[in-house]
């Protein structure tokens, strides 16, 4: 549990520079299928490396929960 929390915090600190500002999940999910594909993510400016880190179940798409790791702890 602690490891996941630390990983999430590290992602927030290192991922923020990947976006000028972190867009909302619904903005990136352009086809509105409830997931962010690698293509949608890279089109929004996310690096391939960050996408791979966020894709915890390795299904080549980000669920809202996987994506929202970027915004945890932000107001």
N, C-alpha and C. Protein backbone atom coordinates (compact mmCIF):
# COMPACT_ATOMS: atom_id res chain seq x y z
N UNK A 1 0.83 -1.20 0.00
CA UNK A 1 0.00 0.00 0.00
C UNK A 1 0.87 1.25 0.00
N UNK A 2 1.88 1.27 0.84
CA UNK A 2 2.76 2.44 0.89
C UNK A 2 3.49 2.60 -0.43
N UNK A 3 3.92 1.49 -1.03
CA UNK A 3 4.63 1.55 -2.30
C UNK A 3 3.77 2.22 -3.38
N UNK A 4 2.47 1.88 -3.44
CA UNK A 4 1.58 2.50 -4.41
C UNK A 4 1.45 4.00 -4.16
N UNK A 5 1.36 4.38 -2.90
CA UNK A 5 1.26 5.80 -2.56
C UNK A 5 2.49 6.58 -2.96
N UNK A 6 3.65 6.00 -2.70
CA UNK A 6 4.91 6.64 -3.06
C UNK A 6 5.01 6.74 -4.58
N UNK A 7 4.65 5.66 -5.27
CA UNK A 7 4.69 5.67 -6.74
C UNK A 7 3.77 6.76 -7.28
N UNK A 8 2.58 6.88 -6.71
CA UNK A 8 1.65 7.91 -7.14
C UNK A 8 2.20 9.31 -6.93
N UNK A 9 2.80 9.54 -5.79
CA UNK A 9 3.38 10.85 -5.52
C UNK A 9 4.53 11.15 -6.47
N UNK A 10 5.36 10.17 -6.72
CA UNK A 10 6.46 10.37 -7.66
C UNK A 10 5.95 10.69 -9.05
N UNK A 11 4.91 9.98 -9.47
CA UNK A 11 4.33 10.27 -10.77
C UNK A 11 3.81 11.69 -10.85
N UNK A 12 3.17 12.15 -9.80
CA UNK A 12 2.65 13.52 -9.79
C UNK A 12 3.79 14.51 -9.95
N UNK A 13 4.86 14.34 -9.20
CA UNK A 13 5.97 15.29 -9.27
C UNK A 13 6.72 15.23 -10.59
N UNK A 14 6.89 14.04 -11.15
CA UNK A 14 7.64 13.92 -12.39
C UNK A 14 6.77 14.02 -13.62
N UNK A 15 5.47 13.82 -13.49
CA UNK A 15 4.59 13.86 -14.64
C UNK A 15 4.12 15.27 -14.95
N UNK A 16 4.04 16.12 -13.96
CA UNK A 16 3.54 17.47 -14.17
C UNK A 16 4.29 18.18 -15.29
N UNK A 17 5.63 18.08 -15.37
CA UNK A 17 6.30 18.73 -16.49
C UNK A 17 5.93 18.13 -17.86
N UNK A 18 5.36 16.93 -17.89
CA UNK A 18 4.97 16.32 -19.16
C UNK A 18 3.82 17.06 -19.80
N UNK A 19 3.03 17.77 -19.05
CA UNK A 19 1.93 18.59 -19.55
C UNK A 19 2.14 20.01 -19.05
N UNK A 20 1.82 20.99 -19.90
CA UNK A 20 1.85 22.36 -19.43
C UNK A 20 0.87 22.50 -18.27
N UNK A 21 -0.30 21.93 -18.44
CA UNK A 21 -1.27 21.75 -17.36
C UNK A 21 -1.93 20.40 -17.63
N UNK A 22 -2.31 19.71 -16.60
CA UNK A 22 -2.84 18.37 -16.76
C UNK A 22 -4.30 18.46 -17.21
N UNK A 23 -4.57 18.00 -18.44
CA UNK A 23 -5.96 18.04 -18.91
C UNK A 23 -6.82 17.02 -18.20
N UNK A 24 -8.10 17.29 -18.16
CA UNK A 24 -9.06 16.38 -17.56
C UNK A 24 -9.17 15.11 -18.41
N UNK A 25 -9.41 13.99 -17.75
CA UNK A 25 -9.55 12.70 -18.44
C UNK A 25 -10.52 12.80 -19.61
N UNK A 26 -11.66 13.44 -19.40
CA UNK A 26 -12.68 13.52 -20.46
C UNK A 26 -12.22 14.33 -21.66
N UNK A 27 -11.27 15.24 -21.47
CA UNK A 27 -10.72 16.00 -22.59
C UNK A 27 -9.81 15.13 -23.45
N UNK A 28 -9.08 14.23 -22.83
CA UNK A 28 -8.15 13.38 -23.56
C UNK A 28 -8.87 12.20 -24.21
N UNK A 29 -9.92 11.71 -23.59
CA UNK A 29 -10.69 10.60 -24.13
C UNK A 29 -11.55 11.11 -25.28
N UNK A 30 -10.92 11.40 -26.40
CA UNK A 30 -11.61 12.07 -27.51
C UNK A 30 -12.67 11.21 -28.18
N UNK A 31 -12.52 9.88 -28.16
CA UNK A 31 -13.55 9.04 -28.77
C UNK A 31 -14.64 8.64 -27.77
N UNK A 32 -14.51 9.12 -26.54
CA UNK A 32 -15.52 8.93 -25.49
C UNK A 32 -15.86 7.47 -25.22
N UNK A 33 -14.83 6.60 -25.26
CA UNK A 33 -15.06 5.18 -24.98
C UNK A 33 -14.76 4.81 -23.53
N UNK A 34 -14.45 5.79 -22.70
CA UNK A 34 -14.20 5.54 -21.29
C UNK A 34 -12.78 5.14 -20.97
N UNK A 35 -11.88 5.23 -21.96
CA UNK A 35 -10.48 4.91 -21.76
C UNK A 35 -9.63 5.83 -22.63
N UNK A 36 -8.41 6.05 -22.22
CA UNK A 36 -7.47 6.86 -22.99
C UNK A 36 -6.49 5.91 -23.66
N UNK A 37 -6.50 5.89 -24.98
CA UNK A 37 -5.57 5.05 -25.73
C UNK A 37 -4.20 5.70 -25.76
N UNK A 38 -3.21 4.93 -26.17
CA UNK A 38 -1.85 5.47 -26.32
C UNK A 38 -1.87 6.63 -27.32
N UNK A 39 -2.63 6.48 -28.40
CA UNK A 39 -2.72 7.54 -29.42
C UNK A 39 -3.32 8.82 -28.83
N UNK A 40 -4.41 8.67 -28.07
CA UNK A 40 -5.04 9.85 -27.45
C UNK A 40 -4.08 10.51 -26.47
N UNK A 41 -3.37 9.71 -25.70
CA UNK A 41 -2.45 10.25 -24.70
C UNK A 41 -1.30 11.00 -25.35
N UNK A 42 -0.69 10.41 -26.37
CA UNK A 42 0.44 11.08 -27.01
C UNK A 42 -0.01 12.32 -27.78
N UNK A 43 -1.22 12.28 -28.33
CA UNK A 43 -1.77 13.47 -29.01
C UNK A 43 -1.95 14.62 -28.03
N UNK A 44 -2.21 14.29 -26.76
CA UNK A 44 -2.39 15.30 -25.72
C UNK A 44 -1.06 15.75 -25.12
N UNK A 45 0.04 15.12 -25.55
CA UNK A 45 1.36 15.54 -25.07
C UNK A 45 1.98 14.64 -24.03
N UNK A 46 1.37 13.50 -23.73
CA UNK A 46 1.94 12.57 -22.74
C UNK A 46 3.04 11.76 -23.40
N UNK A 47 4.12 11.57 -22.67
CA UNK A 47 5.22 10.76 -23.20
C UNK A 47 4.86 9.28 -23.18
N UNK A 48 5.50 8.52 -24.05
CA UNK A 48 5.31 7.07 -24.09
C UNK A 48 5.69 6.44 -22.74
N UNK A 49 6.74 6.96 -22.13
CA UNK A 49 7.22 6.42 -20.85
C UNK A 49 6.19 6.64 -19.75
N UNK A 50 5.61 7.82 -19.70
CA UNK A 50 4.61 8.10 -18.69
C UNK A 50 3.37 7.24 -18.91
N UNK A 51 2.96 7.10 -20.16
CA UNK A 51 1.81 6.25 -20.46
C UNK A 51 2.05 4.84 -19.94
N UNK A 52 3.23 4.30 -20.21
CA UNK A 52 3.56 2.93 -19.78
C UNK A 52 3.54 2.81 -18.25
N UNK A 53 4.00 3.82 -17.54
CA UNK A 53 3.98 3.79 -16.08
C UNK A 53 2.57 3.84 -15.53
N UNK A 54 1.72 4.61 -16.15
CA UNK A 54 0.35 4.76 -15.67
C UNK A 54 -0.51 3.55 -16.01
N UNK A 55 -0.18 2.84 -17.08
CA UNK A 55 -0.96 1.68 -17.54
C UNK A 55 -0.62 0.47 -16.68
N UNK A 56 -1.14 0.46 -15.46
CA UNK A 56 -0.79 -0.57 -14.47
C UNK A 56 -1.20 -1.98 -14.88
N UNK A 57 -2.30 -2.13 -15.61
CA UNK A 57 -2.73 -3.47 -16.00
C UNK A 57 -2.23 -3.86 -17.40
N UNK A 58 -1.42 -3.00 -18.00
CA UNK A 58 -0.78 -3.27 -19.31
C UNK A 58 -1.77 -3.63 -20.41
N UNK A 59 -2.94 -2.98 -20.40
CA UNK A 59 -3.92 -3.25 -21.44
C UNK A 59 -3.87 -2.24 -22.59
N UNK A 60 -2.83 -1.41 -22.60
CA UNK A 60 -2.61 -0.42 -23.65
C UNK A 60 -3.65 0.69 -23.69
N UNK A 61 -4.31 0.91 -22.55
CA UNK A 61 -5.23 2.03 -22.42
C UNK A 61 -5.26 2.43 -20.95
N UNK A 62 -5.62 3.66 -20.71
CA UNK A 62 -5.70 4.15 -19.34
C UNK A 62 -7.15 4.30 -18.93
N UNK A 63 -7.48 3.69 -17.81
CA UNK A 63 -8.80 3.90 -17.22
C UNK A 63 -8.77 5.26 -16.53
N UNK A 64 -9.92 5.73 -16.12
CA UNK A 64 -9.98 7.01 -15.38
C UNK A 64 -9.14 6.92 -14.11
N UNK A 65 -9.20 5.78 -13.40
CA UNK A 65 -8.42 5.62 -12.18
C UNK A 65 -6.93 5.67 -12.45
N UNK A 66 -6.48 5.00 -13.51
CA UNK A 66 -5.05 5.01 -13.84
C UNK A 66 -4.62 6.43 -14.22
N UNK A 67 -5.39 7.11 -15.01
CA UNK A 67 -5.05 8.46 -15.45
C UNK A 67 -5.06 9.46 -14.28
N UNK A 68 -6.03 9.32 -13.40
CA UNK A 68 -6.20 10.30 -12.34
C UNK A 68 -5.09 10.26 -11.28
N UNK A 69 -4.17 9.32 -11.37
CA UNK A 69 -2.97 9.35 -10.51
C UNK A 69 -2.24 10.68 -10.72
N UNK A 70 -2.33 11.23 -11.91
CA UNK A 70 -1.66 12.49 -12.21
C UNK A 70 -2.21 13.67 -11.42
N UNK A 71 -3.47 13.62 -11.09
CA UNK A 71 -4.10 14.77 -10.44
C UNK A 71 -4.33 14.59 -8.94
N UNK A 72 -3.99 13.42 -8.41
CA UNK A 72 -4.17 13.21 -6.97
C UNK A 72 -3.34 14.20 -6.19
N UNK A 73 -3.93 14.75 -5.17
CA UNK A 73 -3.22 15.69 -4.31
C UNK A 73 -3.19 17.11 -4.82
N UNK A 74 -3.83 17.32 -5.98
CA UNK A 74 -3.90 18.68 -6.52
C UNK A 74 -5.30 19.22 -6.33
N UNK A 75 -5.41 20.51 -6.17
CA UNK A 75 -6.74 21.10 -6.01
C UNK A 75 -7.24 21.69 -7.29
